[in-house]
Amino acid sequence: MNDRADFYIVENIIGYTGQIDQNPTVYFLTSPAQGPNEYGHITQSHQIGPNEGRETVRRSSMYEIRVGPGGELEEWDGGRCIHRSRNPLIPIAGLSAKSRYLLSCSIARFTEKKRIDRFTEQQIDELYDYGVVLGR
């Protein structure tokens, strides 16, 4: 069964991090006129294998994307950093049809939620940058 097939759709793609031709992480966001945003991403490739797949979709009126000190994407919710990427966000606006297609492939390739239950304690520490990003 697809995890949040109603959310992880082409229309909700806002951009990506990484290299377009090397399984980038694809970011999704809804911006309803009324109510909070929903947001999430699909990680297609990560050195910590269980971290690949669909992120749990979250809902917030305080979600924002910021640029970190090194130019990398940071996701903030409620005044705290919940995710720091290794790369800057490349917005979908202005991308070629081929690039948009490559991003859309992530939806079919990764239909299931990330398997946090398969992480070792060391992988969890690495993933959350040893407490620097408090997204647990």
N, C-alpha and C. Protein backbone atom coordinates (compact mmCIF):
# COMPACT_ATOMS: atom_id res chain seq x y z
N MET A 1 0.83 -1.18 0.00
CA MET A 1 0.00 0.00 0.00
C MET A 1 0.88 1.25 0.00
N ASN A 2 0.52 2.24 -0.78
CA ASN A 2 1.28 3.48 -0.85
C ASN A 2 1.05 4.32 0.40
N ASP A 3 2.14 4.77 0.99
CA ASP A 3 2.04 5.66 2.15
C ASP A 3 1.71 7.06 1.66
N ARG A 4 0.57 7.59 2.05
CA ARG A 4 0.11 8.94 1.72
C ARG A 4 0.13 9.23 0.22
N ALA A 5 -0.50 8.33 -0.54
CA ALA A 5 -0.59 8.51 -1.99
C ALA A 5 -1.33 9.80 -2.35
N ASP A 6 -2.15 10.31 -1.45
CA ASP A 6 -2.87 11.57 -1.69
C ASP A 6 -1.95 12.78 -1.59
N PHE A 7 -0.85 12.64 -0.86
CA PHE A 7 0.08 13.75 -0.65
C PHE A 7 1.27 13.68 -1.59
N TYR A 8 1.89 12.49 -1.70
CA TYR A 8 3.08 12.35 -2.53
C TYR A 8 2.66 12.24 -3.99
N ILE A 9 2.36 13.42 -4.57
CA ILE A 9 1.94 13.54 -5.96
C ILE A 9 2.78 14.61 -6.65
N VAL A 10 2.80 14.55 -7.97
CA VAL A 10 3.62 15.48 -8.77
C VAL A 10 3.29 16.94 -8.44
N GLU A 11 2.01 17.24 -8.27
CA GLU A 11 1.59 18.62 -8.04
C GLU A 11 2.16 19.22 -6.75
N ASN A 12 2.57 18.38 -5.82
CA ASN A 12 3.09 18.86 -4.54
C ASN A 12 4.61 18.95 -4.49
N ILE A 13 5.31 18.59 -5.56
CA ILE A 13 6.78 18.68 -5.58
C ILE A 13 7.17 20.16 -5.61
N ILE A 14 8.07 20.54 -4.69
CA ILE A 14 8.55 21.93 -4.66
C ILE A 14 10.02 22.04 -5.03
N GLY A 15 10.76 20.93 -5.01
CA GLY A 15 12.17 20.98 -5.35
C GLY A 15 12.90 19.73 -4.90
N TYR A 16 14.23 19.81 -4.96
CA TYR A 16 15.05 18.66 -4.60
C TYR A 16 16.40 19.11 -4.06
N THR A 17 17.08 18.18 -3.40
CA THR A 17 18.46 18.40 -2.99
C THR A 17 19.30 17.27 -3.58
N GLY A 18 20.57 17.56 -3.83
CA GLY A 18 21.45 16.57 -4.42
C GLY A 18 21.59 16.80 -5.92
N GLN A 19 22.03 15.77 -6.62
CA GLN A 19 22.22 15.84 -8.07
C GLN A 19 21.00 15.23 -8.75
N ILE A 20 20.44 15.92 -9.72
CA ILE A 20 19.21 15.50 -10.38
C ILE A 20 19.31 14.09 -10.97
N ASP A 21 20.48 13.71 -11.43
CA ASP A 21 20.64 12.39 -12.07
C ASP A 21 21.23 11.34 -11.13
N GLN A 22 21.25 11.64 -9.82
CA GLN A 22 21.81 10.69 -8.85
C GLN A 22 20.85 10.47 -7.68
N ASN A 23 19.58 10.20 -7.99
CA ASN A 23 18.57 9.90 -6.97
C ASN A 23 18.48 10.97 -5.89
N PRO A 24 18.11 12.18 -6.27
CA PRO A 24 18.02 13.27 -5.29
C PRO A 24 16.90 13.05 -4.29
N THR A 25 16.97 13.77 -3.17
CA THR A 25 15.86 13.80 -2.22
C THR A 25 14.84 14.81 -2.77
N VAL A 26 13.57 14.40 -2.83
CA VAL A 26 12.52 15.20 -3.44
C VAL A 26 11.60 15.72 -2.34
N TYR A 27 11.35 17.04 -2.35
CA TYR A 27 10.56 17.71 -1.31
C TYR A 27 9.16 18.04 -1.81
N PHE A 28 8.19 17.86 -0.91
CA PHE A 28 6.77 18.04 -1.22
C PHE A 28 6.16 18.99 -0.19
N LEU A 29 5.19 19.80 -0.65
CA LEU A 29 4.53 20.75 0.23
C LEU A 29 3.16 21.08 -0.34
N THR A 30 2.16 21.16 0.55
CA THR A 30 0.86 21.71 0.17
C THR A 30 0.76 23.08 0.80
N SER A 31 0.08 23.96 0.13
CA SER A 31 -0.12 25.31 0.64
C SER A 31 -1.59 25.69 0.51
N PRO A 32 -2.44 25.09 1.34
CA PRO A 32 -3.86 25.40 1.23
C PRO A 32 -4.15 26.85 1.63
N ALA A 33 -5.20 27.41 1.04
CA ALA A 33 -5.58 28.79 1.36
C ALA A 33 -5.97 28.90 2.83
N GLN A 34 -6.60 27.89 3.35
CA GLN A 34 -7.01 27.86 4.76
C GLN A 34 -6.33 26.67 5.43
N GLY A 35 -5.80 26.88 6.60
CA GLY A 35 -5.25 25.76 7.36
C GLY A 35 -3.76 25.59 7.19
N PRO A 36 -3.21 24.64 7.94
CA PRO A 36 -1.75 24.41 7.93
C PRO A 36 -1.28 23.69 6.67
N ASN A 37 0.01 23.82 6.41
CA ASN A 37 0.66 23.11 5.32
C ASN A 37 0.92 21.67 5.71
N GLU A 38 1.00 20.81 4.72
CA GLU A 38 1.54 19.46 4.93
C GLU A 38 2.86 19.43 4.18
N TYR A 39 3.84 18.73 4.76
CA TYR A 39 5.15 18.67 4.13
C TYR A 39 5.80 17.32 4.38
N GLY A 40 6.72 16.97 3.49
CA GLY A 40 7.47 15.73 3.61
C GLY A 40 8.47 15.63 2.47
N HIS A 41 9.26 14.57 2.48
CA HIS A 41 10.20 14.35 1.39
C HIS A 41 10.43 12.86 1.18
N ILE A 42 10.92 12.53 0.01
CA ILE A 42 11.30 11.16 -0.33
C ILE A 42 12.81 11.13 -0.49
N THR A 43 13.47 10.35 0.35
CA THR A 43 14.91 10.17 0.27
C THR A 43 15.15 8.96 -0.62
N GLN A 44 15.84 9.15 -1.74
CA GLN A 44 16.07 8.06 -2.68
C GLN A 44 17.41 7.36 -2.47
N SER A 45 18.35 8.07 -1.88
CA SER A 45 19.68 7.48 -1.68
C SER A 45 20.28 8.09 -0.42
N HIS A 46 20.76 7.24 0.47
CA HIS A 46 21.35 7.72 1.72
C HIS A 46 22.34 6.68 2.22
N GLN A 47 23.42 7.14 2.83
CA GLN A 47 24.43 6.21 3.34
C GLN A 47 23.87 5.32 4.44
N ILE A 48 22.79 5.76 5.09
CA ILE A 48 22.10 4.93 6.09
C ILE A 48 20.87 4.36 5.38
N GLY A 49 20.98 3.12 4.91
CA GLY A 49 19.97 2.49 4.07
C GLY A 49 18.53 2.62 4.54
N PRO A 50 18.22 2.35 5.82
CA PRO A 50 16.83 2.46 6.25
C PRO A 50 16.27 3.87 6.16
N ASN A 51 17.12 4.86 5.88
CA ASN A 51 16.65 6.25 5.77
C ASN A 51 16.14 6.55 4.37
N GLU A 52 16.02 5.55 3.52
CA GLU A 52 15.47 5.74 2.18
C GLU A 52 13.98 5.47 2.21
N GLY A 53 13.23 6.29 1.47
CA GLY A 53 11.79 6.12 1.40
C GLY A 53 11.06 7.40 1.72
N ARG A 54 9.77 7.26 2.03
CA ARG A 54 8.92 8.42 2.30
C ARG A 54 8.99 8.83 3.75
N GLU A 55 9.23 10.10 3.94
CA GLU A 55 9.21 10.69 5.28
C GLU A 55 7.76 10.74 5.74
N THR A 56 7.53 10.60 7.03
CA THR A 56 6.20 10.78 7.58
C THR A 56 5.72 12.19 7.24
N VAL A 57 4.52 12.30 6.69
CA VAL A 57 3.97 13.61 6.34
C VAL A 57 3.57 14.32 7.63
N ARG A 58 4.00 15.56 7.74
CA ARG A 58 3.67 16.37 8.91
C ARG A 58 2.80 17.54 8.49
N ARG A 59 2.08 18.09 9.45
CA ARG A 59 1.16 19.21 9.21
C ARG A 59 1.50 20.32 10.18
N SER A 60 1.65 21.55 9.66
CA SER A 60 2.00 22.67 10.53
C SER A 60 1.74 24.00 9.84
N SER A 61 1.34 24.96 10.61
CA SER A 61 1.22 26.32 10.09
C SER A 61 2.52 27.09 10.33
N MET A 62 3.50 26.46 11.00
CA MET A 62 4.76 27.13 11.32
C MET A 62 5.95 26.56 10.55
N TYR A 63 5.69 25.73 9.54
CA TYR A 63 6.76 25.13 8.74
C TYR A 63 7.40 26.16 7.84
N GLU A 64 8.72 26.11 7.74
CA GLU A 64 9.43 26.98 6.80
C GLU A 64 10.72 26.33 6.36
N ILE A 65 11.15 26.72 5.17
CA ILE A 65 12.42 26.27 4.62
C ILE A 65 13.38 27.45 4.73
N ARG A 66 14.56 27.17 5.28
CA ARG A 66 15.59 28.19 5.42
C ARG A 66 16.87 27.72 4.75
N VAL A 67 17.76 28.66 4.53
CA VAL A 67 19.08 28.35 4.00
C VAL A 67 20.05 28.34 5.17
N GLY A 68 20.76 27.22 5.35
CA GLY A 68 21.72 27.08 6.44
C GLY A 68 22.98 27.87 6.19
N PRO A 69 23.89 27.89 7.17
CA PRO A 69 25.12 28.68 7.06
C PRO A 69 26.01 28.29 5.89
N GLY A 70 25.92 27.03 5.46
CA GLY A 70 26.72 26.58 4.32
C GLY A 70 25.94 26.54 3.03
N GLY A 71 24.74 27.14 3.02
CA GLY A 71 23.90 27.15 1.82
C GLY A 71 22.95 25.97 1.73
N GLU A 72 23.03 25.04 2.69
CA GLU A 72 22.21 23.83 2.65
C GLU A 72 20.78 24.12 3.11
N LEU A 73 19.86 23.29 2.66
CA LEU A 73 18.46 23.40 3.05
C LEU A 73 18.30 23.04 4.52
N GLU A 74 17.52 23.84 5.23
CA GLU A 74 17.10 23.50 6.59
C GLU A 74 15.58 23.59 6.64
N GLU A 75 14.96 22.60 7.26
CA GLU A 75 13.52 22.63 7.49
C GLU A 75 13.29 22.98 8.96
N TRP A 76 12.42 23.96 9.18
CA TRP A 76 12.11 24.43 10.52
C TRP A 76 10.62 24.29 10.77
N ASP A 77 10.28 23.93 11.99
CA ASP A 77 8.88 23.85 12.39
C ASP A 77 8.79 24.24 13.86
N GLY A 78 7.92 25.18 14.14
CA GLY A 78 7.75 25.61 15.53
C GLY A 78 8.99 26.24 16.13
N GLY A 79 9.82 26.87 15.30
CA GLY A 79 11.01 27.55 15.82
C GLY A 79 12.22 26.67 16.04
N ARG A 80 12.17 25.40 15.59
CA ARG A 80 13.35 24.54 15.74
C ARG A 80 13.67 23.83 14.43
N CYS A 81 14.93 23.59 14.21
CA CYS A 81 15.39 22.89 13.01
C CYS A 81 15.06 21.42 13.16
N ILE A 82 14.28 20.89 12.22
CA ILE A 82 13.89 19.48 12.30
C ILE A 82 14.62 18.62 11.27
N HIS A 83 15.23 19.26 10.28
CA HIS A 83 15.97 18.51 9.25
C HIS A 83 16.97 19.45 8.58
N ARG A 84 18.20 18.98 8.49
CA ARG A 84 19.24 19.71 7.77
C ARG A 84 19.75 18.81 6.66
N SER A 85 19.63 19.28 5.44
CA SER A 85 20.13 18.54 4.30
C SER A 85 21.63 18.74 4.16
N ARG A 86 22.24 17.93 3.35
CA ARG A 86 23.65 18.11 3.04
C ARG A 86 23.84 19.06 1.85
N ASN A 87 22.71 19.44 1.21
CA ASN A 87 22.77 20.20 -0.04
C ASN A 87 21.72 21.32 -0.05
N PRO A 88 21.88 22.29 -0.95
CA PRO A 88 20.86 23.34 -1.09
C PRO A 88 19.61 22.81 -1.79
N LEU A 89 18.48 23.47 -1.58
CA LEU A 89 17.25 23.14 -2.27
C LEU A 89 17.28 23.76 -3.66
N ILE A 90 16.99 22.95 -4.66
CA ILE A 90 16.84 23.42 -6.03
C ILE A 90 15.33 23.46 -6.30
N PRO A 91 14.75 24.65 -6.45
CA PRO A 91 13.30 24.75 -6.67
C PRO A 91 12.87 24.14 -8.00
N ILE A 92 11.65 23.63 -8.06
CA ILE A 92 11.13 23.01 -9.28
C ILE A 92 10.87 24.05 -10.36
N ALA A 93 10.58 25.28 -9.96
CA ALA A 93 10.31 26.34 -10.94
C ALA A 93 11.50 26.50 -11.88
N GLY A 94 11.23 26.47 -13.16
CA GLY A 94 12.28 26.65 -14.16
C GLY A 94 13.00 25.38 -14.57
N LEU A 95 12.67 24.24 -13.96
CA LEU A 95 13.33 22.99 -14.36
C LEU A 95 12.78 22.49 -15.69
N SER A 96 13.59 21.77 -16.41
CA SER A 96 13.17 21.20 -17.68
C SER A 96 12.15 20.09 -17.45
N ALA A 97 11.46 19.72 -18.51
CA ALA A 97 10.48 18.62 -18.43
C ALA A 97 11.18 17.32 -18.02
N LYS A 98 12.39 17.10 -18.52
CA LYS A 98 13.14 15.89 -18.17
C LYS A 98 13.46 15.87 -16.67
N SER A 99 13.89 17.00 -16.12
CA SER A 99 14.21 17.07 -14.69
C SER A 99 12.96 16.84 -13.85
N ARG A 100 11.84 17.42 -14.25
CA ARG A 100 10.58 17.21 -13.53
C ARG A 100 10.18 15.74 -13.57
N TYR A 101 10.38 15.12 -14.72
CA TYR A 101 10.08 13.69 -14.85
C TYR A 101 10.95 12.86 -13.90
N LEU A 102 12.25 13.17 -13.87
CA LEU A 102 13.15 12.43 -12.98
C LEU A 102 12.71 12.55 -11.52
N LEU A 103 12.27 13.74 -11.11
CA LEU A 103 11.79 13.92 -9.74
C LEU A 103 10.52 13.12 -9.50
N SER A 104 9.63 13.11 -10.47
CA SER A 104 8.37 12.38 -10.30
C SER A 104 8.58 10.87 -10.17
N CYS A 105 9.67 10.35 -10.71
CA CYS A 105 9.95 8.91 -10.60
C CYS A 105 10.10 8.46 -9.16
N SER A 106 10.49 9.38 -8.28
CA SER A 106 10.65 9.01 -6.86
C SER A 106 9.34 8.52 -6.26
N ILE A 107 8.23 9.05 -6.74
CA ILE A 107 6.92 8.69 -6.19
C ILE A 107 6.63 7.21 -6.40
N ALA A 108 6.92 6.71 -7.59
CA ALA A 108 6.68 5.29 -7.89
C ALA A 108 7.77 4.38 -7.32
N ARG A 109 9.00 4.86 -7.27
CA ARG A 109 10.11 4.04 -6.78
C ARG A 109 10.02 3.79 -5.28
N PHE A 110 9.55 4.79 -4.54
CA PHE A 110 9.51 4.68 -3.08
C PHE A 110 8.07 4.93 -2.62
N THR A 111 7.34 3.84 -2.44
CA THR A 111 5.92 3.95 -2.07
C THR A 111 5.69 3.75 -0.58
N GLU A 112 6.70 3.31 0.14
CA GLU A 112 6.55 3.00 1.56
C GLU A 112 7.28 4.02 2.43
N LYS A 113 6.83 4.11 3.66
CA LYS A 113 7.43 4.99 4.65
C LYS A 113 8.81 4.46 5.04
N LYS A 114 9.69 5.38 5.43
CA LYS A 114 11.01 4.98 5.93
C LYS A 114 10.83 4.03 7.10
N ARG A 115 11.76 3.08 7.25
CA ARG A 115 11.67 2.07 8.29
C ARG A 115 12.57 2.42 9.47
N ILE A 116 12.14 3.38 10.26
CA ILE A 116 12.90 3.82 11.43
C ILE A 116 13.16 2.65 12.38
N ASP A 117 12.24 1.69 12.42
CA ASP A 117 12.39 0.54 13.33
C ASP A 117 13.59 -0.34 12.95
N ARG A 118 14.13 -0.16 11.77
CA ARG A 118 15.30 -0.95 11.34
C ARG A 118 16.63 -0.26 11.64
N PHE A 119 16.58 0.95 12.19
CA PHE A 119 17.80 1.70 12.47
C PHE A 119 18.48 1.14 13.72
N THR A 120 19.81 1.09 13.67
CA THR A 120 20.57 0.80 14.89
C THR A 120 20.68 2.10 15.68
N GLU A 121 21.04 2.03 16.94
CA GLU A 121 21.21 3.24 17.74
C GLU A 121 22.28 4.15 17.13
N GLN A 122 23.36 3.56 16.62
CA GLN A 122 24.42 4.36 15.99
C GLN A 122 23.88 5.07 14.74
N GLN A 123 23.07 4.37 13.92
CA GLN A 123 22.50 5.00 12.74
C GLN A 123 21.58 6.16 13.12
N ILE A 124 20.82 6.01 14.19
CA ILE A 124 19.95 7.09 14.66
C ILE A 124 20.79 8.29 15.08
N ASP A 125 21.87 8.04 15.82
CA ASP A 125 22.76 9.13 16.23
C ASP A 125 23.36 9.84 15.02
N GLU A 126 23.82 9.06 14.02
CA GLU A 126 24.38 9.65 12.81
C GLU A 126 23.33 10.44 12.05
N LEU A 127 22.15 9.88 11.94
CA LEU A 127 21.07 10.52 11.20
C LEU A 127 20.70 11.85 11.82
N TYR A 128 20.64 11.91 13.12
CA TYR A 128 20.27 13.14 13.80
C TYR A 128 21.48 13.96 14.22
N ASP A 129 22.62 13.70 13.57
CA ASP A 129 23.83 14.49 13.73
C ASP A 129 24.22 14.61 15.20
N TYR A 130 24.08 13.51 15.92
CA TYR A 130 24.50 13.44 17.31
C TYR A 130 23.87 14.54 18.16
N GLY A 131 22.58 14.80 17.90
CA GLY A 131 21.84 15.74 18.73
C GLY A 131 21.82 17.17 18.22
N VAL A 132 22.55 17.47 17.13
CA VAL A 132 22.55 18.83 16.61
C VAL A 132 21.17 19.17 16.03
N VAL A 133 20.58 18.23 15.31
CA VAL A 133 19.23 18.40 14.78
C VAL A 133 18.31 17.57 15.66
N LEU A 134 17.40 18.20 16.33
CA LEU A 134 16.56 17.52 17.30
C LEU A 134 15.23 17.11 16.68
N GLY A 135 15.29 16.27 15.68
CA GLY A 135 14.07 15.89 14.97
C GLY A 135 13.49 14.57 15.38
N ARG A 136 13.95 14.01 16.47
CA ARG A 136 13.43 12.69 16.86
C ARG A 136 12.00 12.77 17.29
